[in-house]
Each structure stands twice: as C-alpha cells, then as structure tokens.
Amino acid sequence: MTSILKSFSLLSDATRVRLLAVLREEELSVAELQEILGIAQSNISAQLSRLKAAGLVSDRRSGKNRLYRLVPPAAKEKETHEHLLALLDAAALELREAKRDHTALKLIRRKRADTARAYFDALAGKFGRHYIPGRSWKALGEMLLHLLPPAYVVADLGAGEGTLSQLLAKHVKQVIAVDNSEKMVVYGTRLAKEHGFANLDFRLGDLENPPVKASAVDVTIFSQALHHAQNPRNAVAAAHQILKSGGRIVILDLLKHTFEKARQMYADVWLGFSEVELHEMLEEAGYKNIDVRVVDRDAKNPQFQIVLAVAQKI
C-alpha cells in the first residue's frame, strides 16, 4: 500500500480517481473499464500500470482477459487504507463523471448477468439429457448425507430446473429453489406441479441477493452454482443472512481447474475454487465448523474434481 503523501499525488488525476472508484466496487477488464469511463484504452492501461506500481491495484488472468481490482489492505495497513478511501470518496464527489461511471458499472454487471442468463434460458428443459461437469450422483450423495431432518426448510440457490430441489422436497418441509433464469423458473415450477411437489417453491432471483427472508432457512445449498456467481464471496455472505442460527451452508462445486473452454461451453464465470479459497470465503462470511474436502473426480476428460464445503452459522 502506498503512503498518504503518495496517495495525494495519485489522486490528483481524475482518471485515476475514476478507475479506483469503480475497481473498489468490482473486478473489471480493460475493455469494461474503457466502456465505463469512455476514454482511450491506452490511457486506461497507462494509469493502471501506475496504480499497480503503487500497490493500489492488482490483476489476474481470466480466460483471454486480465481483470483488475483494488488491492485489499494487509492488517498493518488498514489505517492507511482507510485514509486513502476517504480521500478517494472526497475526490470522486468533485467529479461529475463519477456518478455516470457508477451507472455504467451497473450496466456492465447487467450485461454479465444477461450473458449467463441467456445461456441457461437456452438450456431450460435440457439438463439431465446432456453432460454437465460436476453432476455426479456420488458427489450429490455425499452432500445429502449432511442434510434432511424432515422439519427443515432448504434453499437451493442456483437451482436450475430443480433436479436436486425435487430430491430434497421428498424429505423436507419446504424447498425454496432460486434461479436467475426466468425460463428455468417457469420450467421448474411446471415440473414441480406435474410431480406433485406442493412444498417446492421456485423463485426468480440472484445468487448474491436471493429472494428469501433473513433467518428463514435451515440449509442453503450451492450445487454446481457458485462458479456462475459474479461475486462468489457476496453469494456466500448472502446465504449466511438467510440461514437460521445453527443452520448450515453446503457448497458442491468444481475444484479449481484450467479447462478454459468451460467459460464458453457452460457459461462458467470462475474455473472452480481451491479448497483454501472456499474455506476463506466461508470464514470471512462468519461461518464456523468449516469442513472442505474433495469428494469425487469425473471419469470423462478433463476429469473435473468435485469439492464439498460444509459450514455452520452460529
């Protein structure tokens, strides 16, 4: 993290202020930053290089893109970081463009969501007849061992057409199946009605803001869904909010891999998660009794491994 004096220098440039303001809210590519700020790519790249050199911004590769974000502070740098953010807020207030940037960022987020939603709208009714990475009955069985007292209310977040939701509905009081694809929700609702699941409630909503009341459910489940979230940490934190005290979160996902084609083939935003990453997400959101382990490997190439994470809200 840069010093306070250097912060004054860095925040003296309007473009750098605008960049830091949006990167504080979202991890973004250069193309997305260009669309938000409406300035030349060469200028953005030059300013990002300076911010990286100052230790304020970091980047990572995601497919063909490189994504940039504001660097979180180390424990000993929190006070300096807070001063920097205060300066950033004050500087942004003086820029008319900052409000427009915030609106443009919302549109970028919507475009990302629309891209993923279009993929799942096209797949509605086809799940179960096509290979989907990580859809392993052994892995699902491992997950179900952690659940199912009959009085439970379960939230299946990123439920798709509800294959797992229907299995759960046979054993618990109520299942709330949440998905951001309207067609998936319509299709799942029809299937639930046809199969007589009166306790299966499909709802249209986002993983990071599920349409479920706070402290309303006993178990939240992400079954091969978390890698589709734009911000998995926010999704994990949102699941914590809707859990009752003593309730549990169950995450079944792909172990971190390098099969880049998954982004196009399955609309994956993230190429899985390491066991450490999942543990950190759960810890940061306030969960206790965290257990993360690899439970299976797909037989088909590229032999995705499946990781199971279970934790509790105390």
Protein backbone atom coordinates (compact mmCIF):
# COMPACT_ATOMS: atom_id res chain seq x y z
CA MET A 1 0.00 0.00 0.00
CA THR A 2 1.27 3.47 -0.89
CA SER A 3 1.91 6.20 1.69
CA ILE A 4 -0.50 9.06 2.40
CA LEU A 5 1.76 11.58 0.60
CA LYS A 6 1.90 9.38 -2.48
CA SER A 7 -1.87 8.95 -2.25
CA PHE A 8 -2.32 12.71 -2.67
CA SER A 9 -0.25 12.54 -5.84
CA LEU A 10 -2.08 9.53 -7.25
CA LEU A 11 -5.50 11.02 -6.52
CA SER A 12 -4.62 14.30 -8.19
CA ASP A 13 -5.54 12.76 -11.57
CA ALA A 14 -9.27 12.47 -12.40
CA THR A 15 -8.83 9.31 -14.47
CA ARG A 16 -7.06 7.51 -11.65
CA VAL A 17 -9.77 8.58 -9.20
CA ARG A 18 -12.46 7.22 -11.52
CA LEU A 19 -10.56 3.96 -12.01
CA LEU A 20 -10.07 3.39 -8.30
CA ALA A 21 -13.71 4.26 -7.56
CA VAL A 22 -15.09 1.58 -9.88
CA LEU A 23 -12.40 -1.01 -9.07
CA ARG A 24 -13.31 -0.54 -5.42
CA GLU A 25 -16.76 -1.91 -6.31
CA GLU A 26 -15.97 -4.54 -8.96
CA GLU A 27 -13.18 -6.53 -10.57
CA LEU A 28 -13.08 -5.36 -14.22
CA SER A 29 -11.26 -5.89 -17.50
CA VAL A 30 -9.63 -3.09 -19.50
CA ALA A 31 -12.42 -3.36 -22.11
CA GLU A 32 -15.06 -2.97 -19.40
CA LEU A 33 -13.19 -0.05 -17.87
CA GLN A 34 -13.00 1.57 -21.30
CA GLU A 35 -16.76 1.15 -21.70
CA ILE A 36 -17.46 2.59 -18.25
CA LEU A 37 -15.10 5.57 -18.39
CA GLY A 38 -15.43 6.26 -22.12
CA ILE A 39 -11.75 7.04 -22.60
CA ALA A 40 -8.99 5.53 -24.73
CA GLN A 41 -7.66 2.10 -23.84
CA SER A 42 -4.08 3.38 -23.98
CA ASN A 43 -4.84 5.96 -21.27
CA ILE A 44 -6.55 3.37 -19.08
CA SER A 45 -3.66 0.92 -19.46
CA ALA A 46 -1.10 3.61 -18.62
CA GLN A 47 -2.96 4.64 -15.47
CA LEU A 48 -3.49 1.04 -14.39
CA SER A 49 0.24 0.43 -14.73
CA ARG A 50 0.93 3.36 -12.41
CA LEU A 51 -1.66 2.19 -9.89
CA LYS A 52 -0.20 -1.33 -9.99
CA ALA A 53 3.30 0.03 -9.41
CA ALA A 54 1.98 1.91 -6.37
CA GLY A 55 0.46 -1.29 -4.99
CA LEU A 56 -3.11 0.01 -5.14
CA VAL A 57 -4.33 -2.29 -7.92
CA SER A 58 -3.66 -5.95 -8.70
CA ASP A 59 -4.63 -8.08 -11.68
CA ARG A 60 -5.26 -11.70 -12.60
CA ARG A 61 -5.84 -13.55 -15.87
CA SER A 62 -9.36 -14.87 -16.59
CA GLY A 63 -9.58 -16.56 -19.98
CA LYS A 64 -8.47 -14.06 -22.61
CA ASN A 65 -8.93 -11.12 -20.27
CA ARG A 66 -6.93 -9.64 -17.44
CA LEU A 67 -9.10 -8.46 -14.55
CA TYR A 68 -8.12 -5.58 -12.25
CA ARG A 69 -9.22 -4.85 -8.69
CA LEU A 70 -8.40 -2.63 -5.74
CA VAL A 71 -5.85 -4.35 -3.51
CA PRO A 72 -7.26 -5.18 -0.05
CA PRO A 73 -5.07 -3.93 2.81
CA ALA A 74 -2.82 -6.07 4.95
CA ALA A 75 -3.64 -5.92 8.66
CA LYS A 76 -0.89 -3.39 9.42
CA GLU A 77 -2.01 -1.14 6.56
CA LYS A 78 -5.70 -0.81 7.40
CA GLU A 79 -5.41 2.71 8.81
CA THR A 80 -3.54 3.93 5.73
CA HIS A 81 -6.09 2.18 3.51
CA GLU A 82 -8.99 3.89 5.31
CA HIS A 83 -7.33 7.29 4.80
CA LEU A 84 -6.91 6.51 1.11
CA LEU A 85 -10.56 5.52 0.72
CA ALA A 86 -11.66 8.71 2.49
CA LEU A 87 -9.55 10.74 0.06
CA LEU A 88 -10.94 8.74 -2.84
CA ASP A 89 -14.55 9.36 -1.74
CA ALA A 90 -13.88 13.11 -1.40
CA ALA A 91 -12.18 13.29 -4.79
CA ALA A 92 -14.96 11.32 -6.51
CA LEU A 93 -17.60 13.69 -5.14
CA GLU A 94 -15.94 16.51 -7.08
CA LEU A 95 -16.19 14.63 -10.39
CA ARG A 96 -19.42 14.77 -12.40
CA GLU A 97 -18.25 11.72 -14.30
CA ALA A 98 -18.15 9.57 -11.14
CA LYS A 99 -21.94 9.31 -10.91
CA ARG A 100 -22.13 8.33 -14.57
CA ASP A 101 -19.38 5.77 -14.01
CA HIS A 102 -21.45 4.21 -11.24
CA THR A 103 -24.43 3.89 -13.59
CA ALA A 104 -22.22 2.46 -16.33
CA LEU A 105 -20.87 -0.10 -13.86
CA LYS A 106 -24.44 -1.23 -13.14
CA LEU A 107 -24.92 -1.78 -16.87
CA ILE A 108 -21.72 -3.81 -17.09
CA ARG A 109 -22.95 -6.01 -14.24
CA ARG A 110 -26.28 -6.41 -16.02
CA LYS A 111 -24.56 -7.39 -19.26
CA ARG A 112 -22.57 -10.05 -17.42
CA ALA A 113 -25.72 -11.43 -15.85
CA ASP A 114 -27.61 -11.33 -19.15
CA THR A 115 -24.84 -13.33 -20.86
CA ALA A 116 -25.09 -16.10 -18.27
CA ARG A 117 -28.89 -15.95 -18.19
CA ALA A 118 -29.14 -16.31 -21.97
CA TYR A 119 -27.06 -19.48 -21.77
CA PHE A 120 -29.32 -21.05 -19.12
CA ASP A 121 -32.51 -19.91 -20.86
CA ALA A 122 -31.35 -21.87 -23.91
CA LEU A 123 -30.68 -24.92 -21.74
CA ALA A 124 -34.05 -24.96 -19.94
CA GLY A 125 -35.50 -28.46 -20.18
CA LYS A 126 -32.23 -29.95 -21.44
CA PHE A 127 -30.44 -30.54 -18.13
CA GLY A 128 -30.28 -34.22 -17.33
CA ARG A 129 -30.01 -35.17 -21.00
CA HIS A 130 -26.61 -33.57 -21.54
CA TYR A 131 -23.30 -33.89 -19.72
CA ILE A 132 -22.74 -31.14 -17.15
CA PRO A 133 -19.38 -31.04 -15.34
CA GLY A 134 -19.62 -31.95 -11.69
CA ARG A 135 -23.08 -33.52 -11.90
CA SER A 136 -22.06 -36.70 -10.12
CA TRP A 137 -24.55 -38.84 -8.19
CA LYS A 138 -21.77 -39.93 -5.86
CA ALA A 139 -20.95 -36.30 -5.08
CA LEU A 140 -24.63 -35.43 -4.62
CA GLY A 141 -24.96 -38.39 -2.28
CA GLU A 142 -22.03 -37.12 -0.23
CA MET A 143 -23.78 -33.79 0.08
CA LEU A 144 -27.16 -35.25 1.03
CA LEU A 145 -25.58 -37.12 3.96
CA HIS A 146 -25.24 -33.75 5.70
CA LEU A 147 -28.94 -32.87 5.47
CA LEU A 148 -32.55 -33.84 5.72
CA PRO A 149 -34.32 -33.66 9.09
CA PRO A 150 -37.98 -33.66 7.95
CA ALA A 151 -38.82 -30.28 9.54
CA TYR A 152 -36.10 -28.46 7.60
CA VAL A 153 -36.57 -25.58 5.17
CA VAL A 154 -33.90 -25.71 2.44
CA ALA A 155 -32.84 -23.02 -0.06
CA ASP A 156 -31.39 -24.45 -3.29
CA LEU A 157 -29.52 -21.45 -4.72
CA GLY A 158 -28.84 -21.62 -8.45
CA ALA A 159 -31.33 -24.47 -8.71
CA GLY A 160 -31.70 -24.59 -12.50
CA GLU A 161 -34.71 -26.70 -13.43
CA GLY A 162 -34.71 -28.22 -9.95
CA THR A 163 -33.36 -31.77 -10.24
CA LEU A 164 -31.80 -31.57 -6.77
CA SER A 165 -34.70 -29.50 -5.41
CA GLN A 166 -37.13 -32.29 -6.26
CA LEU A 167 -34.94 -34.86 -4.49
CA LEU A 168 -34.81 -32.66 -1.41
CA ALA A 169 -38.55 -31.95 -1.49
CA LYS A 170 -39.22 -35.65 -0.89
CA HIS A 171 -37.62 -35.41 2.55
CA VAL A 172 -38.01 -31.90 3.99
CA LYS A 173 -40.78 -29.50 4.95
CA GLN A 174 -40.09 -26.92 2.22
CA VAL A 175 -37.59 -26.29 -0.56
CA ILE A 176 -37.07 -22.78 -1.96
CA ALA A 177 -35.44 -23.10 -5.39
CA VAL A 178 -33.83 -19.84 -6.60
CA ASP A 179 -32.54 -19.24 -10.13
CA ASN A 180 -31.87 -16.10 -12.20
CA SER A 181 -33.23 -17.60 -15.45
CA GLU A 182 -36.94 -16.89 -15.86
CA LYS A 183 -37.32 -19.83 -18.22
CA MET A 184 -35.66 -22.18 -15.73
CA VAL A 185 -38.04 -20.99 -13.01
CA VAL A 186 -41.09 -21.47 -15.27
CA TYR A 187 -39.89 -24.90 -16.34
CA GLY A 188 -39.04 -25.97 -12.78
CA THR A 189 -42.38 -24.74 -11.45
CA ARG A 190 -44.19 -26.78 -14.09
CA LEU A 191 -42.18 -29.90 -13.25
CA ALA A 192 -42.85 -29.45 -9.53
CA LYS A 193 -46.58 -29.18 -10.18
CA GLU A 194 -46.59 -32.20 -12.50
CA HIS A 195 -44.73 -34.29 -9.93
CA GLY A 196 -46.93 -33.18 -7.02
CA PHE A 197 -44.35 -31.23 -5.02
CA ALA A 198 -46.54 -28.70 -3.21
CA ASN A 199 -43.62 -27.92 -0.87
CA LEU A 200 -41.29 -26.88 -3.72
CA ASP A 201 -41.32 -23.11 -4.33
CA PHE A 202 -39.43 -21.75 -7.34
CA ARG A 203 -38.38 -18.09 -7.17
CA LEU A 204 -36.68 -15.82 -9.69
CA GLY A 205 -33.65 -14.17 -8.13
CA ASP A 206 -29.90 -13.66 -7.95
CA LEU A 207 -27.37 -15.73 -6.01
CA GLU A 208 -25.98 -12.59 -4.39
CA ASN A 209 -29.40 -11.33 -3.29
CA PRO A 210 -31.76 -14.33 -3.03
CA PRO A 211 -35.49 -13.57 -2.57
CA VAL A 212 -35.62 -15.28 0.82
CA LYS A 213 -36.28 -13.67 4.22
CA ALA A 214 -33.44 -13.33 6.69
CA SER A 215 -33.02 -16.23 9.14
CA ALA A 216 -35.68 -18.25 7.30
CA VAL A 217 -33.97 -21.48 6.26
CA ASP A 218 -32.11 -24.35 7.90
CA VAL A 219 -29.83 -25.19 4.97
CA THR A 220 -28.57 -23.26 1.95
CA ILE A 221 -27.16 -25.21 -0.97
CA PHE A 222 -25.00 -24.21 -3.93
CA SER A 223 -24.84 -27.31 -6.15
CA GLN A 224 -22.54 -26.54 -9.11
CA ALA A 225 -23.84 -22.95 -8.94
CA LEU A 226 -21.25 -20.86 -7.12
CA HIS A 227 -18.87 -20.75 -10.10
CA HIS A 228 -21.63 -18.92 -12.02
CA ALA A 229 -21.81 -16.09 -9.45
CA GLN A 230 -20.23 -12.78 -10.45
CA ASN A 231 -19.02 -12.37 -6.87
CA PRO A 232 -18.94 -15.72 -5.03
CA ARG A 233 -17.99 -14.10 -1.73
CA ASN A 234 -21.14 -11.97 -1.83
CA ALA A 235 -23.23 -15.05 -2.62
CA VAL A 236 -21.76 -16.95 0.34
CA ALA A 237 -22.38 -13.95 2.61
CA ALA A 238 -25.98 -13.61 1.34
CA ALA A 239 -26.57 -17.29 2.14
CA HIS A 240 -25.41 -16.57 5.69
CA GLN A 241 -28.09 -13.88 6.03
CA ILE A 242 -30.99 -16.18 5.13
CA LEU A 243 -29.83 -19.01 7.43
CA LYS A 244 -31.27 -19.54 10.87
CA SER A 245 -28.87 -19.66 13.79
CA GLY A 246 -27.39 -23.17 13.75
CA GLY A 247 -28.20 -23.57 10.06
CA ARG A 248 -25.71 -24.91 7.54
CA ILE A 249 -24.40 -24.00 4.12
CA VAL A 250 -23.43 -26.75 1.68
CA ILE A 251 -21.35 -25.97 -1.40
CA LEU A 252 -20.75 -28.59 -4.08
CA ASP A 253 -18.59 -27.24 -6.87
CA LEU A 254 -15.66 -27.87 -9.16
CA LEU A 255 -12.18 -27.88 -7.74
CA LYS A 256 -10.06 -25.17 -9.37
CA HIS A 257 -9.08 -26.28 -12.88
CA THR A 258 -7.60 -24.96 -16.14
CA PHE A 259 -10.23 -26.08 -18.66
CA GLU A 260 -10.78 -22.65 -20.25
CA LYS A 261 -13.43 -23.94 -22.67
CA ALA A 262 -15.80 -24.23 -19.70
CA ARG A 263 -16.36 -20.47 -19.95
CA GLN A 264 -17.92 -20.85 -23.39
CA MET A 265 -19.38 -24.36 -23.05
CA TYR A 266 -21.07 -23.92 -19.67
CA ALA A 267 -21.07 -20.12 -19.11
CA ASP A 268 -18.75 -20.59 -16.13
CA VAL A 269 -17.56 -17.30 -14.63
CA TRP A 270 -14.99 -19.00 -12.39
CA LEU A 271 -12.91 -22.07 -13.19
CA GLY A 272 -13.78 -23.71 -9.90
CA PHE A 273 -12.35 -22.93 -6.47
CA SER A 274 -9.48 -24.29 -4.42
CA GLU A 275 -10.21 -25.75 -1.01
CA VAL A 276 -8.37 -22.81 0.56
CA GLU A 277 -10.47 -20.26 -1.37
CA LEU A 278 -13.74 -21.85 -0.23
CA HIS A 279 -12.53 -22.02 3.36
CA GLU A 280 -11.56 -18.33 3.28
CA MET A 281 -14.93 -17.32 1.78
CA LEU A 282 -16.81 -19.16 4.50
CA GLU A 283 -14.58 -17.81 7.26
CA GLU A 284 -14.92 -14.21 6.04
CA ALA A 285 -18.72 -14.52 5.94
CA GLY A 286 -18.79 -15.59 9.59
CA TYR A 287 -19.36 -19.35 9.31
CA LYS A 288 -17.96 -21.81 11.86
CA ASN A 289 -17.29 -25.56 11.89
CA ILE A 290 -15.97 -25.38 8.34
CA ASP A 291 -15.20 -28.63 6.52
CA VAL A 292 -13.86 -28.53 2.94
CA ARG A 293 -12.76 -31.64 1.02
CA VAL A 294 -12.52 -33.15 -2.47
CA VAL A 295 -15.19 -35.89 -2.78
CA ASP A 296 -15.07 -37.14 -6.37
CA ARG A 297 -13.46 -36.99 -9.80
CA ASP A 298 -15.35 -37.15 -13.10
CA ALA A 299 -14.42 -40.13 -15.29
CA LYS A 300 -14.68 -38.12 -18.50
CA ASN A 301 -11.97 -35.73 -19.63
CA PRO A 302 -10.99 -33.18 -18.48
CA GLN A 303 -11.70 -35.13 -15.27
CA PHE A 304 -13.11 -32.34 -13.16
CA GLN A 305 -12.71 -32.89 -9.44
CA ILE A 306 -15.62 -32.07 -7.16
CA VAL A 307 -15.15 -30.25 -3.87
CA LEU A 308 -17.65 -30.26 -0.99
CA ALA A 309 -17.73 -27.49 1.63
CA VAL A 310 -20.00 -27.57 4.67
CA ALA A 311 -20.16 -24.94 7.42
CA GLN A 312 -22.49 -23.64 10.11
CA LYS A 313 -23.97 -20.31 11.14
CA ILE A 314 -23.55 -19.97 14.91
